[in-house]
Amino acid sequence: MCTPKDPDFDEYRYAEQIPHCARNVNHATRVKVSAPYGVNEEELKNYQVDHLIPLALGGSNAEKNLWPVPYAKARAKAKVEYMTYNDLKDGRITQNEAIARIRHWVRDNLRHE
């Protein structure tokens, strides 16, 4: 999770004052976090290195929060993230509820073989 001590921290967001980190994932990190999933550097062009907990919900660029997702599935996740972000921004859900929603969606829709 992003914290004010994170080098990528840029501001607090929402009424809940959730720390936000700017996107900062270089190519070497994308290659490194993809390898345990069996995705090599050449295959990486078919994947988005995704933030499991999105930055907009308080996630960070930490390697443990990154993983490769095929582009089609990443686009589907992005739709859920956007709806969740809007609910959080508008105060309809808390950060914990937002993260739980994303984790449940990932569990039910994204499985790495």
PDB file of N, CA and C in Angstrom:
ATOM      1  N   MET A   1       0.842  -1.183   0.000  1.00  0.00           N
ATOM      2  CA  MET A   1       0.000   0.000   0.000  1.00  0.00           C
ATOM      3  C   MET A   1       0.890   1.250   0.000  1.00  0.00           C
ATOM      4  N   CYS A   2       0.386   2.276  -0.635  1.00  0.00           N
ATOM      5  CA  CYS A   2       1.093   3.548  -0.680  1.00  0.00           C
ATOM      6  C   CYS A   2       1.058   4.188   0.712  1.00  0.00           C
ATOM      7  N   THR A   3       2.146   4.791   1.087  1.00  0.00           N
ATOM      8  CA  THR A   3       2.214   5.560   2.329  1.00  0.00           C
ATOM      9  C   THR A   3       2.936   6.872   2.026  1.00  0.00           C
ATOM     10  N   PRO A   4       2.822   7.839   2.918  1.00  0.00           N
ATOM     11  CA  PRO A   4       3.542   9.100   2.694  1.00  0.00           C
ATOM     12  C   PRO A   4       5.064   8.923   2.633  1.00  0.00           C
ATOM     13  N   LYS A   5       5.578   7.824   3.138  1.00  0.00           N
ATOM     14  CA  LYS A   5       7.022   7.568   3.098  1.00  0.00           C
ATOM     15  C   LYS A   5       7.466   6.934   1.781  1.00  0.00           C
ATOM     16  N   ASP A   6       6.519   6.498   0.967  1.00  0.00           N
ATOM     17  CA  ASP A   6       6.834   5.890  -0.328  1.00  0.00           C
ATOM     18  C   ASP A   6       7.443   6.952  -1.239  1.00  0.00           C
ATOM     19  N   PRO A   7       8.536   6.633  -1.959  1.00  0.00           N
ATOM     20  CA  PRO A   7       9.139   7.638  -2.846  1.00  0.00           C
ATOM     21  C   PRO A   7       8.206   8.107  -3.959  1.00  0.00           C
ATOM     22  N   ASP A   8       7.168   7.330  -4.281  1.00  0.00           N
ATOM     23  CA  ASP A   8       6.230   7.706  -5.336  1.00  0.00           C
ATOM     24  C   ASP A   8       4.982   8.410  -4.803  1.00  0.00           C
ATOM     25  N   PHE A   9       4.906   8.605  -3.481  1.00  0.00           N
ATOM     26  CA  PHE A   9       3.755   9.306  -2.893  1.00  0.00           C
ATOM     27  C   PHE A   9       3.661  10.705  -3.486  1.00  0.00           C
ATOM     28  N   ASP A  10       2.436  11.092  -3.894  1.00  0.00           N
ATOM     29  CA  ASP A  10       2.293  12.444  -4.429  1.00  0.00           C
ATOM     30  C   ASP A  10       1.193  13.261  -3.758  1.00  0.00           C
ATOM     31  N   GLU A  11       0.212  12.621  -3.127  1.00  0.00           N
ATOM     32  CA  GLU A  11      -0.848  13.388  -2.471  1.00  0.00           C
ATOM     33  C   GLU A  11      -1.787  12.456  -1.714  1.00  0.00           C
ATOM     34  N   TYR A  12      -2.644  13.055  -0.894  1.00  0.00           N
ATOM     35  CA  TYR A  12      -3.758  12.335  -0.286  1.00  0.00           C
ATOM     36  C   TYR A  12      -4.977  12.576  -1.153  1.00  0.00           C
ATOM     37  N   ARG A  13      -5.866  11.583  -1.214  1.00  0.00           N
ATOM     38  CA  ARG A  13      -7.077  11.717  -2.018  1.00  0.00           C
ATOM     39  C   ARG A  13      -8.309  11.315  -1.219  1.00  0.00           C
ATOM     40  N   TYR A  14      -9.423  11.886  -1.616  1.00  0.00           N
ATOM     41  CA  TYR A  14     -10.747  11.546  -1.105  1.00  0.00           C
ATOM     42  C   TYR A  14     -10.927  12.032   0.330  1.00  0.00           C
ATOM     43  N   ALA A  15     -12.155  11.987   0.775  1.00  0.00           N
ATOM     44  CA  ALA A  15     -12.471  12.401   2.141  1.00  0.00           C
ATOM     45  C   ALA A  15     -11.741  11.526   3.154  1.00  0.00           C
ATOM     46  N   GLU A  16     -11.479  10.295   2.754  1.00  0.00           N
ATOM     47  CA  GLU A  16     -10.800   9.337   3.643  1.00  0.00           C
ATOM     48  C   GLU A  16      -9.294   9.615   3.749  1.00  0.00           C
ATOM     49  N   GLN A  17      -8.783  10.564   2.943  1.00  0.00           N
ATOM     50  CA  GLN A  17      -7.361  10.934   2.939  1.00  0.00           C
ATOM     51  C   GLN A  17      -6.460   9.711   2.687  1.00  0.00           C
ATOM     52  N   ILE A  18      -6.691   9.071   1.562  1.00  0.00           N
ATOM     53  CA  ILE A  18      -5.935   7.876   1.174  1.00  0.00           C
ATOM     54  C   ILE A  18      -4.668   8.312   0.449  1.00  0.00           C
ATOM     55  N   PRO A  19      -3.506   7.828   0.891  1.00  0.00           N
ATOM     56  CA  PRO A  19      -2.269   8.167   0.189  1.00  0.00           C
ATOM     57  C   PRO A  19      -2.307   7.660  -1.264  1.00  0.00           C
ATOM     58  N   HIS A  20      -1.831   8.482  -2.179  1.00  0.00           N
ATOM     59  CA  HIS A  20      -1.778   8.111  -3.594  1.00  0.00           C
ATOM     60  C   HIS A  20      -0.328   8.137  -4.059  1.00  0.00           C
ATOM     61  N   CYS A  21       0.056   7.109  -4.785  1.00  0.00           N
ATOM     62  CA  CYS A  21       1.385   7.040  -5.381  1.00  0.00           C
ATOM     63  C   CYS A  21       1.263   7.188  -6.897  1.00  0.00           C
ATOM     64  N   ALA A  22       2.183   7.939  -7.483  1.00  0.00           N
ATOM     65  CA  ALA A  22       2.238   8.077  -8.933  1.00  0.00           C
ATOM     66  C   ALA A  22       2.763   6.776  -9.542  1.00  0.00           C
ATOM     67  N   ARG A  23       2.314   6.473 -10.745  1.00  0.00           N
ATOM     68  CA  ARG A  23       2.768   5.273 -11.458  1.00  0.00           C
ATOM     69  C   ARG A  23       4.269   5.402 -11.732  1.00  0.00           C
ATOM     70  N   ASN A  24       4.999   4.333 -11.402  1.00  0.00           N
ATOM     71  CA  ASN A  24       6.448   4.339 -11.603  1.00  0.00           C
ATOM     72  C   ASN A  24       6.936   2.895 -11.671  1.00  0.00           C
ATOM     73  N   VAL A  25       6.777   2.269 -12.831  1.00  0.00           N
ATOM     74  CA  VAL A  25       7.203   0.879 -13.009  1.00  0.00           C
ATOM     75  C   VAL A  25       8.034   0.813 -14.286  1.00  0.00           C
ATOM     76  N   ASN A  26       9.315   0.557 -14.130  1.00  0.00           N
ATOM     77  CA  ASN A  26      10.182   0.525 -15.307  1.00  0.00           C
ATOM     78  C   ASN A  26      10.186  -0.860 -15.965  1.00  0.00           C
ATOM     79  N   HIS A  27      10.821  -0.942 -17.127  1.00  0.00           N
ATOM     80  CA  HIS A  27      10.826  -2.185 -17.901  1.00  0.00           C
ATOM     81  C   HIS A  27      11.480  -3.332 -17.123  1.00  0.00           C
ATOM     82  N   ALA A  28      12.589  -3.059 -16.468  1.00  0.00           N
ATOM     83  CA  ALA A  28      13.291  -4.113 -15.712  1.00  0.00           C
ATOM     84  C   ALA A  28      12.380  -4.695 -14.632  1.00  0.00           C
ATOM     85  N   THR A  29      11.621  -3.854 -13.970  1.00  0.00           N
ATOM     86  CA  THR A  29      10.694  -4.335 -12.936  1.00  0.00           C
ATOM     87  C   THR A  29       9.588  -5.164 -13.564  1.00  0.00           C
ATOM     88  N   ARG A  30       9.056  -4.716 -14.715  1.00  0.00           N
ATOM     89  CA  ARG A  30       8.013  -5.487 -15.402  1.00  0.00           C
ATOM     90  C   ARG A  30       8.519  -6.885 -15.756  1.00  0.00           C
ATOM     91  N   VAL A  31       9.744  -6.968 -16.237  1.00  0.00           N
ATOM     92  CA  VAL A  31      10.329  -8.272 -16.588  1.00  0.00           C
ATOM     93  C   VAL A  31      10.484  -9.123 -15.333  1.00  0.00           C
ATOM     94  N   LYS A  32      10.997  -8.532 -14.277  1.00  0.00           N
ATOM     95  CA  LYS A  32      11.248  -9.265 -13.024  1.00  0.00           C
ATOM     96  C   LYS A  32       9.968  -9.828 -12.411  1.00  0.00           C
ATOM     97  N   VAL A  33       8.912  -9.017 -12.338  1.00  0.00           N
ATOM     98  CA  VAL A  33       7.686  -9.485 -11.680  1.00  0.00           C
ATOM     99  C   VAL A  33       6.904 -10.460 -12.560  1.00  0.00           C
ATOM    100  N   SER A  34       7.171 -10.486 -13.854  1.00  0.00           N
ATOM    101  CA  SER A  34       6.465 -11.393 -14.760  1.00  0.00           C
ATOM    102  C   SER A  34       7.062 -12.787 -14.790  1.00  0.00           C
ATOM    103  N   ALA A  35       8.346 -12.889 -14.539  1.00  0.00           N
ATOM    104  CA  ALA A  35       9.037 -14.179 -14.629  1.00  0.00           C
ATOM    105  C   ALA A  35       8.411 -15.274 -13.767  1.00  0.00           C
ATOM    106  N   PRO A  36       8.055 -15.018 -12.506  1.00  0.00           N
ATOM    107  CA  PRO A  36       7.456 -16.091 -11.696  1.00  0.00           C
ATOM    108  C   PRO A  36       6.132 -16.615 -12.250  1.00  0.00           C
ATOM    109  N   TYR A  37       5.506 -15.861 -13.142  1.00  0.00           N
ATOM    110  CA  TYR A  37       4.247 -16.279 -13.760  1.00  0.00           C
ATOM    111  C   TYR A  37       4.484 -16.984 -15.098  1.00  0.00           C
ATOM    112  N   GLY A  38       5.749 -17.211 -15.423  1.00  0.00           N
ATOM    113  CA  GLY A  38       6.082 -17.888 -16.669  1.00  0.00           C
ATOM    114  C   GLY A  38       5.992 -16.995 -17.890  1.00  0.00           C
ATOM    115  N   VAL A  39       5.995 -15.694 -17.683  1.00  0.00           N
ATOM    116  CA  VAL A  39       5.930 -14.741 -18.795  1.00  0.00           C
ATOM    117  C   VAL A  39       7.335 -14.174 -18.993  1.00  0.00           C
ATOM    118  N   ASN A  40       7.945 -14.518 -20.135  1.00  0.00           N
ATOM    119  CA  ASN A  40       9.291 -14.020 -20.390  1.00  0.00           C
ATOM    120  C   ASN A  40       9.243 -12.650 -21.052  1.00  0.00           C
ATOM    121  N   GLU A  41      10.400 -12.043 -21.220  1.00  0.00           N
ATOM    122  CA  GLU A  41      10.469 -10.679 -21.739  1.00  0.00           C
ATOM    123  C   GLU A  41       9.840 -10.551 -23.118  1.00  0.00           C
ATOM    124  N   GLU A  42      10.036 -11.543 -23.973  1.00  0.00           N
ATOM    125  CA  GLU A  42       9.460 -11.483 -25.318  1.00  0.00           C
ATOM    126  C   GLU A  42       7.929 -11.556 -25.273  1.00  0.00           C
ATOM    127  N   GLU A  43       7.387 -12.371 -24.389  1.00  0.00           N
ATOM    128  CA  GLU A  43       5.931 -12.526 -24.266  1.00  0.00           C
ATOM    129  C   GLU A  43       5.265 -11.335 -23.575  1.00  0.00           C
ATOM    130  N   LEU A  44       6.057 -10.553 -22.886  1.00  0.00           N
ATOM    131  CA  LEU A  44       5.528  -9.440 -22.097  1.00  0.00           C
ATOM    132  C   LEU A  44       4.741  -8.446 -22.944  1.00  0.00           C
ATOM    133  N   LYS A  45       5.007  -8.400 -24.243  1.00  0.00           N
ATOM    134  CA  LYS A  45       4.275  -7.473 -25.123  1.00  0.00           C
ATOM    135  C   LYS A  45       2.780  -7.798 -25.175  1.00  0.00           C
ATOM    136  N   ASN A  46       2.403  -9.003 -24.744  1.00  0.00           N
ATOM    137  CA  ASN A  46       1.000  -9.427 -24.743  1.00  0.00           C
ATOM    138  C   ASN A  46       0.316  -9.206 -23.392  1.00  0.00           C
ATOM    139  N   TYR A  47       1.035  -8.590 -22.464  1.00  0.00           N
ATOM    140  CA  TYR A  47       0.548  -8.433 -21.097  1.00  0.00           C
ATOM    141  C   TYR A  47       0.664  -6.988 -20.624  1.00  0.00           C
ATOM    142  N   GLN A  48      -0.207  -6.656 -19.711  1.00  0.00           N
ATOM    143  CA  GLN A  48      -0.066  -5.417 -18.957  1.00  0.00           C
ATOM    144  C   GLN A  48       0.436  -5.812 -17.578  1.00  0.00           C
ATOM    145  N   VAL A  49       1.488  -5.170 -17.122  1.00  0.00           N
ATOM    146  CA  VAL A  49       1.904  -5.398 -15.743  1.00  0.00           C
ATOM    147  C   VAL A  49       0.988  -4.518 -14.897  1.00  0.00           C
ATOM    148  N   ASP A  50       0.133  -5.200 -14.176  1.00  0.00           N
ATOM    149  CA  ASP A  50      -0.995  -4.596 -13.489  1.00  0.00           C
ATOM    150  C   ASP A  50      -0.703  -4.419 -12.010  1.00  0.00           C
ATOM    151  N   HIS A  51      -1.298  -3.378 -11.445  1.00  0.00           N
ATOM    152  CA  HIS A  51      -1.277  -3.191  -9.989  1.00  0.00           C
ATOM    153  C   HIS A  51      -2.456  -3.979  -9.427  1.00  0.00           C
ATOM    154  N   LEU A  52      -2.185  -5.000  -8.642  1.00  0.00           N
ATOM    155  CA  LEU A  52      -3.273  -5.779  -8.042  1.00  0.00           C
ATOM    156  C   LEU A  52      -4.220  -4.838  -7.300  1.00  0.00           C
ATOM    157  N   ILE A  53      -3.681  -4.055  -6.377  1.00  0.00           N
ATOM    158  CA  ILE A  53      -4.455  -2.986  -5.739  1.00  0.00           C
ATOM    159  C   ILE A  53      -4.134  -1.723  -6.533  1.00  0.00           C
ATOM    160  N   PRO A  54      -5.105  -1.199  -7.272  1.00  0.00           N
ATOM    161  CA  PRO A  54      -4.845  -0.054  -8.133  1.00  0.00           C
ATOM    162  C   PRO A  54      -4.312   1.162  -7.368  1.00  0.00           C
ATOM    163  N   LEU A  55      -3.493   1.935  -8.050  1.00  0.00           N
ATOM    164  CA  LEU A  55      -2.965   3.158  -7.446  1.00  0.00           C
ATOM    165  C   LEU A  55      -4.089   4.076  -6.986  1.00  0.00           C
ATOM    166  N   ALA A  56      -5.173   4.140  -7.744  1.00  0.00           N
ATOM    167  CA  ALA A  56      -6.296   5.014  -7.404  1.00  0.00           C
ATOM    168  C   ALA A  56      -6.997   4.599  -6.113  1.00  0.00           C
ATOM    169  N   LEU A  57      -6.753   3.369  -5.659  1.00  0.00           N
ATOM    170  CA  LEU A  57      -7.362   2.885  -4.419  1.00  0.00           C
ATOM    171  C   LEU A  57      -6.351   2.836  -3.278  1.00  0.00           C
ATOM    172  N   GLY A  58      -5.145   3.350  -3.527  1.00  0.00           N
ATOM    173  CA  GLY A  58      -4.126   3.384  -2.480  1.00  0.00           C
ATOM    174  C   GLY A  58      -3.035   2.357  -2.644  1.00  0.00           C
ATOM    175  N   GLY A  59      -3.025   1.639  -3.773  1.00  0.00           N
ATOM    176  CA  GLY A  59      -1.962   0.668  -4.033  1.00  0.00           C
ATOM    177  C   GLY A  59      -0.640   1.361  -4.313  1.00  0.00           C
ATOM    178  N   SER A  60       0.412   0.562  -4.372  1.00  0.00           N
ATOM    179  CA  SER A  60       1.747   1.116  -4.616  1.00  0.00           C
ATOM    180  C   SER A  60       2.396   0.409  -5.798  1.00  0.00           C
ATOM    181  N   ASN A  61       3.601   0.872  -6.127  1.00  0.00           N
ATOM    182  CA  ASN A  61       4.390   0.263  -7.192  1.00  0.00           C
ATOM    183  C   ASN A  61       5.293  -0.855  -6.671  1.00  0.00           C
ATOM    184  N   ALA A  62       5.083  -1.287  -5.455  1.00  0.00           N
ATOM    185  CA  ALA A  62       5.892  -2.361  -4.879  1.00  0.00           C
ATOM    186  C   ALA A  62       5.749  -3.626  -5.719  1.00  0.00           C
ATOM    187  N   GLU A  63       6.831  -4.360  -5.879  1.00  0.00           N
ATOM    188  CA  GLU A  63       6.814  -5.567  -6.702  1.00  0.00           C
ATOM    189  C   GLU A  63       5.742  -6.552  -6.268  1.00  0.00           C
ATOM    190  N   LYS A  64       5.467  -6.629  -4.969  1.00  0.00           N
ATOM    191  CA  LYS A  64       4.450  -7.574  -4.483  1.00  0.00           C
ATOM    192  C   LYS A  64       3.042  -7.166  -4.920  1.00  0.00           C
ATOM    193  N   ASN A  65       2.861  -5.937  -5.431  1.00  0.00           N
ATOM    194  CA  ASN A  65       1.565  -5.461  -5.900  1.00  0.00           C
ATOM    195  C   ASN A  65       1.460  -5.499  -7.426  1.00  0.00           C
ATOM    196  N   LEU A  66       2.461  -6.071  -8.090  1.00  0.00           N
ATOM    197  CA  LEU A  66       2.504  -6.094  -9.551  1.00  0.00           C
ATOM    198  C   LEU A  66       2.443  -7.519 -10.071  1.00  0.00           C
ATOM    199  N   TRP A  67       1.773  -7.690 -11.219  1.00  0.00           N
ATOM    200  CA  TRP A  67       1.712  -8.997 -11.857  1.00  0.00           C
ATOM    201  C   TRP A  67       1.277  -8.830 -13.303  1.00  0.00           C
ATOM    202  N   PRO A  68       1.631  -9.791 -14.160  1.00  0.00           N
ATOM    203  CA  PRO A  68       1.255  -9.681 -15.568  1.00  0.00           C
ATOM    204  C   PRO A  68      -0.168 -10.190 -15.799  1.00  0.00           C
ATOM    205  N   VAL A  69      -0.929  -9.423 -16.585  1.00  0.00           N
ATOM    206  CA  VAL A  69      -2.303  -9.796 -16.916  1.00  0.00           C
ATOM    207  C   VAL A  69      -2.460  -9.638 -18.428  1.00  0.00           C
ATOM    208  N   PRO A  70      -2.989 -10.654 -19.118  1.00  0.00           N
ATOM    209  CA  PRO A  70      -3.227 -10.495 -20.554  1.00  0.00           C
ATOM    210  C   PRO A  70      -4.082  -9.245 -20.802  1.00  0.00           C
ATOM    211  N   TYR A  71      -3.797  -8.559 -21.897  1.00  0.00           N
ATOM    212  CA  TYR A  71      -4.460  -7.273 -22.156  1.00  0.00           C
ATOM    213  C   TYR A  71      -5.987  -7.338 -22.088  1.00  0.00           C
ATOM    214  N   ALA A  72      -6.600  -8.355 -22.656  1.00  0.00           N
ATOM    215  CA  ALA A  72      -8.073  -8.425 -22.643  1.00  0.00           C
ATOM    216  C   ALA A  72      -8.602  -8.490 -21.209  1.00  0.00           C
ATOM    217  N   LYS A  73      -7.953  -9.274 -20.366  1.00  0.00           N
ATOM    218  CA  LYS A  73      -8.391  -9.374 -18.971  1.00  0.00           C
ATOM    219  C   LYS A  73      -8.080  -8.088 -18.203  1.00  0.00           C
ATOM    220  N   ALA A  74      -6.974  -7.439 -18.563  1.00  0.00           N
ATOM    221  CA  ALA A  74      -6.625  -6.168 -17.911  1.00  0.00           C
ATOM    222  C   ALA A  74      -7.673  -5.109 -18.221  1.00  0.00           C
ATOM    223  N   ARG A  75      -8.197  -5.097 -19.445  1.00  0.00           N
ATOM    224  CA  ARG A  75      -9.243  -4.132 -19.803  1.00  0.00           C
ATOM    225  C   ARG A  75     -10.520  -4.411 -19.006  1.00  0.00           C
ATOM    226  N   ALA A  76     -10.851  -5.680 -18.817  1.00  0.00           N
ATOM    227  CA  ALA A  76     -12.039  -6.025 -18.027  1.00  0.00           C
ATOM    228  C   ALA A  76     -11.848  -5.585 -16.573  1.00  0.00           C
ATOM    229  N   LYS A  77     -10.661  -5.797 -16.028  1.00  0.00           N
ATOM    230  CA  LYS A  77     -10.380  -5.379 -14.657  1.00  0.00           C
ATOM    231  C   LYS A  77     -10.450  -3.860 -14.551  1.00  0.00           C
ATOM    232  N   ALA A  78      -9.972  -3.164 -15.569  1.00  0.00           N
ATOM    233  CA  ALA A  78      -9.982  -1.693 -15.545  1.00  0.00           C
ATOM    234  C   ALA A  78     -11.403  -1.152 -15.420  1.00  0.00           C
ATOM    235  N   LYS A  79     -12.371  -1.813 -16.031  1.00  0.00           N
ATOM    236  CA  LYS A  79     -13.766  -1.366 -15.922  1.00  0.00           C
ATOM    237  C   LYS A  79     -14.248  -1.470 -14.479  1.00  0.00           C
ATOM    238  N   VAL A  80     -13.906  -2.573 -13.822  1.00  0.00           N
ATOM    239  CA  VAL A  80     -14.287  -2.762 -12.416  1.00  0.00           C
ATOM    240  C   VAL A  80     -13.558  -1.740 -11.548  1.00  0.00           C
ATOM    241  N   GLU A  81     -12.289  -1.516 -11.845  1.00  0.00           N
ATOM    242  CA  GLU A  81     -11.519  -0.528 -11.091  1.00  0.00           C
ATOM    243  C   GLU A  81     -12.149   0.851 -11.197  1.00  0.00           C
ATOM    244  N   TYR A  82     -12.571   1.231 -12.398  1.00  0.00           N
ATOM    245  CA  TYR A  82     -13.140   2.563 -12.602  1.00  0.00           C
ATOM    246  C   TYR A  82     -14.444   2.729 -11.809  1.00  0.00           C
ATOM    247  N   MET A  83     -15.313   1.740 -11.845  1.00  0.00           N
ATOM    248  CA  MET A  83     -16.555   1.812 -11.068  1.00  0.00           C
ATOM    249  C   MET A  83     -16.238   1.885  -9.575  1.00  0.00           C
ATOM    250  N   THR A  84     -15.264   1.100  -9.145  1.00  0.00           N
ATOM    251  CA  THR A  84     -14.877   1.077  -7.737  1.00  0.00           C
ATOM    252  C   THR A  84     -14.269   2.414  -7.329  1.00  0.00           C
ATOM    253  N   TYR A  85     -13.405   2.951  -8.187  1.00  0.00           N
ATOM    254  CA  TYR A  85     -12.806   4.255  -7.928  1.00  0.00           C
ATOM    255  C   TYR A  85     -13.887   5.321  -7.758  1.00  0.00           C
ATOM    256  N   ASN A  86     -14.876   5.324  -8.626  1.00  0.00           N
ATOM    257  CA  ASN A  86     -15.959   6.315  -8.523  1.00  0.00           C
ATOM    258  C   ASN A  86     -16.743   6.168  -7.223  1.00  0.00           C
ATOM    259  N   ASP A  87     -17.008   4.934  -6.827  1.00  0.00           N
ATOM    260  CA  ASP A  87     -17.716   4.711  -5.563  1.00  0.00           C
ATOM    261  C   ASP A  87     -16.886   5.215  -4.380  1.00  0.00           C
ATOM    262  N   LEU A  88     -15.579   4.991  -4.419  1.00  0.00           N
ATOM    263  CA  LEU A  88     -14.697   5.458  -3.351  1.00  0.00           C
ATOM    264  C   LEU A  88     -14.624   6.984  -3.357  1.00  0.00           C
ATOM    265  N   LYS A  89     -14.419   7.548  -4.518  1.00  0.00           N
ATOM    266  CA  LYS A  89     -14.314   9.008  -4.654  1.00  0.00           C
ATOM    267  C   LYS A  89     -15.568   9.704  -4.155  1.00  0.00           C
ATOM    268  N   ASP A  90     -16.723   9.121  -4.455  1.00  0.00           N
ATOM    269  CA  ASP A  90     -17.998   9.729  -4.065  1.00  0.00           C
ATOM    270  C   ASP A  90     -18.438   9.364  -2.646  1.00  0.00           C
ATOM    271  N   GLY A  91     -17.616   8.596  -1.925  1.00  0.00           N
ATOM    272  CA  GLY A  91     -17.903   8.276  -0.537  1.00  0.00           C
ATOM    273  C   GLY A  91     -18.935   7.182  -0.328  1.00  0.00           C
ATOM    274  N   ARG A  92     -19.267   6.430  -1.376  1.00  0.00           N
ATOM    275  CA  ARG A  92     -20.257   5.352  -1.236  1.00  0.00           C
ATOM    276  C   ARG A  92     -19.652   4.093  -0.607  1.00  0.00           C
ATOM    277  N   ILE A  93     -18.327   3.956  -0.708  1.00  0.00           N
ATOM    278  CA  ILE A  93     -17.628   2.827  -0.085  1.00  0.00           C
ATOM    279  C   ILE A  93     -16.341   3.336   0.536  1.00  0.00           C
ATOM    280  N   THR A  94     -15.779   2.544   1.439  1.00  0.00           N
ATOM    281  CA  THR A  94     -14.503   2.877   2.066  1.00  0.00           C
ATOM    282  C   THR A  94     -13.365   2.251   1.261  1.00  0.00           C
ATOM    283  N   GLN A  95     -12.153   2.635   1.601  1.00  0.00           N
ATOM    284  CA  GLN A  95     -10.988   2.041   0.953  1.00  0.00           C
ATOM    285  C   GLN A  95     -10.973   0.530   1.168  1.00  0.00           C
ATOM    286  N   ASN A  96     -11.251   0.082   2.371  1.00  0.00           N
ATOM    287  CA  ASN A  96     -11.256  -1.358   2.644  1.00  0.00           C
ATOM    288  C   ASN A  96     -12.291  -2.083   1.795  1.00  0.00           C
ATOM    289  N   GLU A  97     -13.458  -1.485   1.633  1.00  0.00           N
ATOM    290  CA  GLU A  97     -14.491  -2.093   0.792  1.00  0.00           C
ATOM    291  C   GLU A  97     -14.059  -2.109  -0.674  1.00  0.00           C
ATOM    292  N   ALA A  98     -13.404  -1.052  -1.115  1.00  0.00           N
ATOM    293  CA  ALA A  98     -12.928  -0.977  -2.493  1.00  0.00           C
ATOM    294  C   ALA A  98     -11.887  -2.066  -2.767  1.00  0.00           C
ATOM    295  N   ILE A  99     -10.959  -2.222  -1.850  1.00  0.00           N
ATOM    296  CA  ILE A  99      -9.920  -3.243  -2.020  1.00  0.00           C
ATOM    297  C   ILE A  99     -10.540  -4.634  -1.999  1.00  0.00           C
ATOM    298  N   ALA A 100     -11.486  -4.860  -1.117  1.00  0.00           N
ATOM    299  CA  ALA A 100     -12.157  -6.164  -1.063  1.00  0.00           C
ATOM    300  C   ALA A 100     -12.871  -6.455  -2.383  1.00  0.00           C
ATOM    301  N   ARG A 101     -13.513  -5.443  -2.959  1.00  0.00           N
ATOM    302  CA  ARG A 101     -14.206  -5.626  -4.241  1.00  0.00           C
ATOM    303  C   ARG A 101     -13.218  -6.047  -5.334  1.00  0.00           C
ATOM    304  N   ILE A 102     -12.074  -5.380  -5.391  1.00  0.00           N
ATOM    305  CA  ILE A 102     -11.067  -5.721  -6.409  1.00  0.00           C
ATOM    306  C   ILE A 102     -10.524  -7.123  -6.167  1.00  0.00           C
ATOM    307  N   ARG A 103     -10.191  -7.438  -4.926  1.00  0.00           N
ATOM    308  CA  ARG A 103      -9.659  -8.778  -4.624  1.00  0.00           C
ATOM    309  C   ARG A 103     -10.659  -9.870  -4.998  1.00  0.00           C
ATOM    310  N   HIS A 104     -11.930  -9.659  -4.696  1.00  0.00           N
ATOM    311  CA  HIS A 104     -12.950 -10.655  -5.058  1.00  0.00           C
ATOM    312  C   HIS A 104     -13.058 -10.800  -6.567  1.00  0.00           C
ATOM    313  N   TRP A 105     -13.019  -9.689  -7.291  1.00  0.00           N
ATOM    314  CA  TRP A 105     -13.115  -9.760  -8.746  1.00  0.00           C
ATOM    315  C   TRP A 105     -11.910 -10.521  -9.310  1.00  0.00           C
ATOM    316  N   VAL A 106     -10.743 -10.213  -8.801  1.00  0.00           N
ATOM    317  CA  VAL A 106      -9.531 -10.896  -9.270  1.00  0.00           C
ATOM    318  C   VAL A 106      -9.625 -12.386  -8.969  1.00  0.00           C
ATOM    319  N   ARG A 107     -10.028 -12.728  -7.765  1.00  0.00           N
ATOM    320  CA  ARG A 107     -10.151 -14.135  -7.382  1.00  0.00           C
ATOM    321  C   ARG A 107     -11.110 -14.872  -8.315  1.00  0.00           C
ATOM    322  N   ASP A 108     -12.210 -14.233  -8.661  1.00  0.00           N
ATOM    323  CA  ASP A 108     -13.231 -14.880  -9.463  1.00  0.00           C
ATOM    324  C   ASP A 108     -12.966 -14.848 -10.970  1.00  0.00           C
ATOM    325  N   ASN A 109     -12.098 -13.943 -11.426  1.00  0.00           N
ATOM    326  CA  ASN A 109     -11.947 -13.744 -12.869  1.00  0.00           C
ATOM    327  C   ASN A 109     -10.539 -13.896 -13.419  1.00  0.00           C
ATOM    328  N   LEU A 110      -9.535 -13.834 -12.588  1.00  0.00           N
ATOM    329  CA  LEU A 110      -8.157 -13.920 -13.065  1.00  0.00           C
ATOM    330  C   LEU A 110      -7.418 -15.020 -12.335  1.00  0.00           C
ATOM    331  N   ARG A 111      -7.090 -16.010 -13.060  1.00  0.00           N
ATOM    332  CA  ARG A 111      -6.315 -17.108 -12.460  1.00  0.00           C
ATOM    333  C   ARG A 111      -5.133 -17.386 -13.358  1.00  0.00           C
ATOM    334  N   HIS A 112      -3.941 -17.396 -12.757  1.00  0.00           N
ATOM    335  CA  HIS A 112      -2.747 -17.746 -13.515  1.00  0.00           C
ATOM    336  C   HIS A 112      -2.548 -19.253 -13.384  1.00  0.00           C
ATOM    337  N   GLU A 113      -2.323 -19.875 -14.501  1.00  0.00           N
ATOM    338  CA  GLU A 113      -2.126 -21.339 -14.520  1.00  0.00           C
ATOM    339  C   GLU A 113      -0.760 -21.685 -13.988  1.00  0.00           C
TER     340      GLU A 113
END
